[in-house]
Protein backbone atom coordinates (compact mmCIF):
# COMPACT_ATOMS: atom_id res chain seq x y z
CA MET A 1 17.45 3.47 9.82
CA ALA A 2 14.03 3.72 8.19
CA ALA A 3 13.71 3.72 4.45
CA GLN A 4 14.02 7.23 3.10
CA SER A 5 12.61 8.89 0.00
CA ALA A 6 14.55 10.86 -2.58
CA GLU A 7 13.74 14.10 -0.75
CA GLY A 8 15.34 12.74 2.44
CA GLY A 9 12.10 12.13 4.34
CA LEU A 10 10.73 8.95 5.78
CA SER A 11 9.24 6.55 3.25
CA PHE A 12 6.49 4.40 4.72
CA ASP A 13 2.81 4.08 3.95
CA PRO A 14 0.58 3.55 7.01
CA MET A 15 -2.31 2.63 4.73
CA ALA A 16 -0.47 -0.17 2.92
CA GLN A 17 -1.56 -2.62 5.64
CA PHE A 18 -5.17 -2.29 4.45
CA GLN A 19 -4.46 -3.35 0.86
CA VAL A 20 -6.30 -6.47 -0.27
CA LYS A 21 -3.85 -8.78 -2.01
CA PRO A 22 -3.95 -12.31 -3.39
CA LEU A 23 -2.22 -14.87 -1.21
CA GLY A 24 1.21 -15.76 -2.49
CA GLY A 25 2.11 -12.41 -4.02
CA ASP A 26 0.80 -9.44 -5.94
CA GLY A 27 -1.63 -9.71 -8.80
CA VAL A 28 -5.12 -8.96 -9.96
CA VAL A 29 -7.89 -9.62 -7.43
CA ASN A 30 -10.80 -11.32 -9.21
CA TRP A 31 -14.14 -12.55 -7.88
CA PHE A 32 -12.76 -15.92 -6.78
CA THR A 33 -9.25 -14.86 -5.78
CA PHE A 34 -8.41 -15.99 -2.25
CA THR A 35 -6.95 -12.90 -0.61
CA ASN A 36 -5.44 -11.88 2.70
CA ALA A 37 -8.85 -10.44 3.61
CA ALA A 38 -10.55 -13.79 2.94
CA LEU A 39 -7.87 -15.62 4.94
CA TRP A 40 -8.23 -13.50 8.08
CA THR A 41 -12.02 -13.46 7.79
CA SER A 42 -11.84 -17.26 7.74
CA PHE A 43 -9.62 -17.18 10.81
CA ALA A 44 -12.19 -15.01 12.63
CA VAL A 45 -14.98 -17.43 11.75
CA ALA A 46 -12.82 -20.36 12.85
CA VAL A 47 -12.07 -18.72 16.21
CA VAL A 48 -15.79 -18.10 16.78
CA PHE A 49 -16.54 -21.74 15.95
CA ILE A 50 -13.79 -23.01 18.25
CA LEU A 51 -14.91 -20.81 21.15
CA LEU A 52 -18.66 -21.31 20.90
CA VAL A 53 -18.93 -24.86 19.53
CA VAL A 54 -15.76 -26.78 20.32
CA GLY A 55 -15.07 -24.96 23.58
CA THR A 56 -18.53 -25.68 24.97
CA SER A 57 -19.02 -29.18 23.55
CA LYS A 58 -18.17 -30.93 26.84
CA ARG A 59 -20.60 -28.75 28.86
CA ALA A 60 -18.43 -29.26 31.92
CA VAL A 61 -19.83 -28.35 35.33
CA VAL A 62 -16.45 -26.78 36.10
CA PRO A 63 -15.72 -24.98 32.82
CA GLY A 64 -12.31 -24.76 31.23
CA ARG A 65 -10.85 -21.56 29.81
CA MET A 66 -12.61 -21.65 26.45
CA GLN A 67 -15.94 -22.61 27.95
CA SER A 68 -15.58 -19.82 30.54
CA VAL A 69 -14.94 -17.24 27.80
CA ALA A 70 -17.90 -18.56 25.78
CA GLU A 71 -20.23 -18.49 28.78
CA LEU A 72 -19.09 -14.99 29.72
CA ALA A 73 -19.76 -13.72 26.20
CA TYR A 74 -23.09 -15.54 26.09
CA GLY A 75 -24.29 -14.03 29.37
CA PHE A 76 -23.03 -10.57 28.45
CA ILE A 77 -24.83 -10.40 25.10
CA TYR A 78 -27.96 -12.20 26.34
CA LYS A 79 -28.41 -9.63 29.12
CA MET A 80 -27.84 -6.80 26.64
CA VAL A 81 -30.53 -8.12 24.29
CA GLU A 82 -32.98 -8.76 27.11
CA ASP A 83 -32.43 -5.37 28.76
CA ILE A 84 -32.82 -3.36 25.55
CA CYS A 85 -35.32 -5.39 23.53
CA GLY A 86 -37.20 -7.21 26.28
CA LYS A 87 -38.17 -10.86 26.32
CA GLU A 88 -39.58 -10.51 22.82
CA GLY A 89 -36.13 -9.75 21.44
CA VAL A 90 -34.46 -12.82 22.94
CA LYS A 91 -35.47 -14.94 19.94
CA TYR A 92 -33.05 -12.84 17.85
CA PHE A 93 -30.21 -13.37 20.31
CA PRO A 94 -28.33 -15.98 18.18
CA TYR A 95 -27.89 -13.53 15.30
CA ILE A 96 -26.79 -10.69 17.59
CA MET A 97 -24.40 -13.00 19.45
CA THR A 98 -22.88 -14.12 16.14
CA LEU A 99 -22.42 -10.51 15.04
CA PHE A 100 -20.65 -9.57 18.25
CA MET A 101 -18.37 -12.60 18.30
CA PHE A 102 -17.35 -12.20 14.66
CA ILE A 103 -16.56 -8.51 15.02
CA VAL A 104 -14.68 -8.82 18.31
CA CYS A 105 -12.66 -11.82 17.07
CA ALA A 106 -11.81 -10.09 13.78
CA ASN A 107 -10.75 -6.98 15.69
CA PHE A 108 -8.52 -8.87 18.10
CA LEU A 109 -6.95 -11.01 15.37
CA GLY A 110 -6.14 -7.80 13.52
CA LEU A 111 -3.91 -6.75 16.41
CA ILE A 112 -1.47 -9.58 15.61
CA PRO A 113 1.58 -8.12 13.83
CA THR A 114 1.40 -8.52 10.01
CA ALA A 115 -2.26 -9.59 10.29
CA PHE A 116 -5.06 -8.18 8.15
CA THR A 117 -8.10 -6.66 9.86
CA PRO A 118 -11.31 -7.40 7.90
CA THR A 119 -13.36 -4.94 9.95
CA SER A 120 -11.18 -2.06 8.74
CA HIS A 121 -12.81 -2.39 5.31
CA PHE A 122 -16.19 -1.02 4.31
CA ALA A 123 -16.59 -4.12 2.13
CA VAL A 124 -17.11 -6.00 5.41
CA THR A 125 -18.77 -3.44 7.67
CA ILE A 126 -21.30 -2.15 5.11
CA PRO A 127 -22.82 -5.61 4.45
CA LEU A 128 -22.99 -6.23 8.21
CA ALA A 129 -24.76 -2.89 8.73
CA LEU A 130 -27.08 -3.42 5.75
CA LEU A 131 -28.10 -6.86 7.01
CA VAL A 132 -29.07 -5.28 10.34
CA PHE A 133 -30.87 -2.38 8.65
CA LEU A 134 -32.82 -4.51 6.17
CA GLY A 135 -33.55 -7.16 8.79
CA VAL A 136 -35.05 -4.78 11.35
CA THR A 137 -36.94 -2.83 8.67
CA ILE A 138 -38.55 -5.96 7.23
CA LEU A 139 -39.25 -7.24 10.73
CA GLY A 140 -40.83 -3.91 11.67
CA PHE A 141 -43.28 -4.02 8.77
CA VAL A 142 -44.01 -7.75 9.10
CA LYS A 143 -44.71 -7.47 12.81
CA ASN A 144 -46.46 -4.09 12.92
CA GLY A 145 -47.67 -3.40 9.41
CA ALA A 146 -48.28 0.27 8.67
CA SER A 147 -48.01 1.00 12.39
CA PHE A 148 -44.25 0.70 11.98
CA LEU A 149 -44.36 4.15 10.38
CA GLY A 150 -45.27 5.47 13.82
CA LEU A 151 -41.54 5.30 14.50
CA PHE A 152 -41.18 8.47 12.43
CA TRP A 153 -44.18 10.33 13.83
CA VAL A 154 -43.31 12.17 17.05
CA SER A 155 -46.74 12.29 18.65
CA SER A 156 -45.45 14.05 21.75
CA ALA A 157 -44.33 17.09 19.74
CA PRO A 158 -46.57 20.05 18.81
CA LEU A 159 -48.71 19.24 15.78
CA ALA A 160 -47.13 21.98 13.64
CA LEU A 161 -43.66 20.49 14.14
CA ARG A 162 -44.55 16.86 13.54
CA PRO A 163 -44.17 16.85 9.70
CA ALA A 164 -40.70 18.43 9.92
CA LEU A 165 -39.68 16.06 12.71
CA ALA A 166 -41.02 13.11 10.71
CA LEU A 167 -38.77 14.10 7.80
CA ILE A 168 -35.77 14.39 10.12
CA GLU A 169 -36.56 11.01 11.67
CA LEU A 170 -36.90 9.42 8.23
CA ILE A 171 -33.55 10.80 7.08
CA SER A 172 -31.83 9.72 10.29
CA TYR A 173 -33.32 6.25 9.90
CA PHE A 174 -31.81 5.78 6.44
CA VAL A 175 -28.48 7.15 7.63
CA ARG A 176 -28.27 4.37 10.22
CA PRO A 177 -26.41 1.81 8.05
CA VAL A 178 -23.95 4.52 6.97
CA SER A 179 -23.02 5.56 10.51
CA HIS A 180 -23.20 1.95 11.71
CA SER A 181 -20.60 0.80 9.18
CA ILE A 182 -18.35 3.87 9.10
CA ARG A 183 -18.01 4.00 12.89
CA LEU A 184 -16.61 0.47 13.06
CA ALA A 185 -14.32 0.59 10.02
CA GLY A 186 -13.15 4.14 10.69
CA ASN A 187 -12.12 3.56 14.29
CA VAL A 188 -10.34 0.30 13.54
CA MET A 189 -8.54 1.78 10.53
CA ALA A 190 -7.47 4.95 12.36
CA GLY A 191 -5.94 3.07 15.29
CA HIS A 192 -3.97 0.71 13.09
CA ALA A 193 -2.72 3.59 10.93
CA VAL A 194 -1.47 5.52 13.98
CA ILE A 195 0.41 2.45 15.25
CA LYS A 196 2.03 2.12 11.82
CA VAL A 197 3.11 5.77 11.89
CA PHE A 198 4.76 5.32 15.29
CA ALA A 199 6.41 2.13 14.02
CA GLY A 200 7.87 4.04 11.08
CA PHE A 201 9.45 6.62 13.37
CA ALA A 202 10.74 3.92 15.72
CA ALA A 203 13.52 3.26 13.19
CA LEU A 204 14.97 6.71 13.83
CA THR A 205 17.35 6.52 16.78
CA ILE A 206 16.69 10.06 17.98
CA VAL A 207 12.95 9.54 18.43
CA SER A 208 12.77 5.76 18.85
CA PRO A 209 12.14 5.78 22.64
CA VAL A 210 9.17 8.12 22.21
CA ALA A 211 7.93 6.14 19.21
CA ILE A 212 8.13 2.84 21.11
CA LEU A 213 6.20 4.34 24.02
CA GLY A 214 3.64 5.60 21.50
CA ILE A 215 3.32 2.14 19.97
CA THR A 216 2.83 0.56 23.39
CA ALA A 217 0.21 3.11 24.43
CA MET A 218 -1.65 2.90 21.12
CA TYR A 219 -1.59 -0.89 21.15
CA GLY A 220 -3.14 -0.92 24.61
CA LEU A 221 -5.75 1.57 23.44
CA GLU A 222 -6.47 -0.54 20.36
CA VAL A 223 -7.14 -3.59 22.52
CA LEU A 224 -9.79 -1.54 24.32
CA VAL A 225 -11.14 -0.05 21.08
CA SER A 226 -11.41 -3.52 19.50
CA PHE A 227 -13.83 -4.57 22.21
CA ILE A 228 -15.66 -1.24 22.47
CA GLN A 229 -16.37 -1.06 18.73
CA ALA A 230 -17.80 -4.59 18.74
CA TYR A 231 -19.89 -3.62 21.78
CA VAL A 232 -21.13 -0.39 20.15
CA PHE A 233 -22.06 -2.17 16.91
CA THR A 234 -23.96 -4.80 18.91
CA ILE A 235 -25.76 -2.41 21.24
CA LEU A 236 -26.88 -0.27 18.29
CA THR A 237 -28.20 -3.43 16.63
CA CYS A 238 -30.24 -4.07 19.79
CA VAL A 239 -31.55 -0.49 19.77
CA TYR A 240 -32.61 -0.81 16.12
CA LEU A 241 -34.26 -4.13 16.88
CA LYS A 242 -36.17 -2.55 19.76
CA ASP A 243 -37.48 0.12 17.35
CA ALA A 244 -38.74 -2.63 15.04
CA LEU A 245 -40.44 -4.48 17.89
CA HIS A 246 -41.88 -1.38 19.58
CA PRO A 247 -42.15 1.44 17.01
CA SER A 248 -43.43 4.39 18.99
CA HIS A 249 -42.27 7.76 20.20
C-alpha cells in the first residue's frame, strides 16, 4: 500500500522529484556543490558529445546507428534554419543545433526512472532563453543599426494606430524570453508531475490498473512532448533570429 498521512490520505509529493540536492545525501547547496541537477546536465552534455563527435568521427559511407541519428538531427535542424532564416542564417546553425541537441537529450534522459530533468527548472531554461534573446538583439543592432527598430514599427497599419502597435510590439518583444523559458520548463514539469501522481495511486490495489494505464499513456505522451518542446524552443529561436536578420513588418 502507498504511504499514508495521519488523516488517512495518500502521502506523496509529485514535486519532490524536482528538488535540487547534493550528491550523496541531503545538505546545503552552495555555489560549488555538485548536485543531482549538475550530474544530469553533465550527462546530457556527454550524450550530445558522444552522438555528434564520437558517433560521427569515422565518417562512414554506410553510417552506423549513432552516425545515422547525428546525420538525421543535423539535416533536420539545418533545413529548419535555412527555411526560416535563409542562407544568411546558416552561419548560426552550430549554436542552434547545440541548443536543440542539449534540450532534447536532457528531456529524454529525464524520462529515465529516478533521473533528474534539468529542463524542468527555470534556472536552466531562463539562461538558455536569455542567451537567445540577448544574442539576437545584439545581432540585430550590430547588423542593422537603428533600422532594427523597424521591427516594432508596423508600417502597413494606419498611421494613427502605429504608435500603439509599436508599444504592443515592444512589450511582446521583451516578453519573449519569459514565454520562451516558461513554455519549456512548464511543459516538462507538468508531465513529470502527472506521471508521479499516477505512480502514487498505483500502490492502491483498487485503482492500480487504471493508474498503470495512466502511467503508460502519460509516459508515451511525455516522449512526444520531450521532442516537441525541444523543437518548439529551436524553431522560436530561428524565428527570433530571422527578425534580427530581416527586421521589417
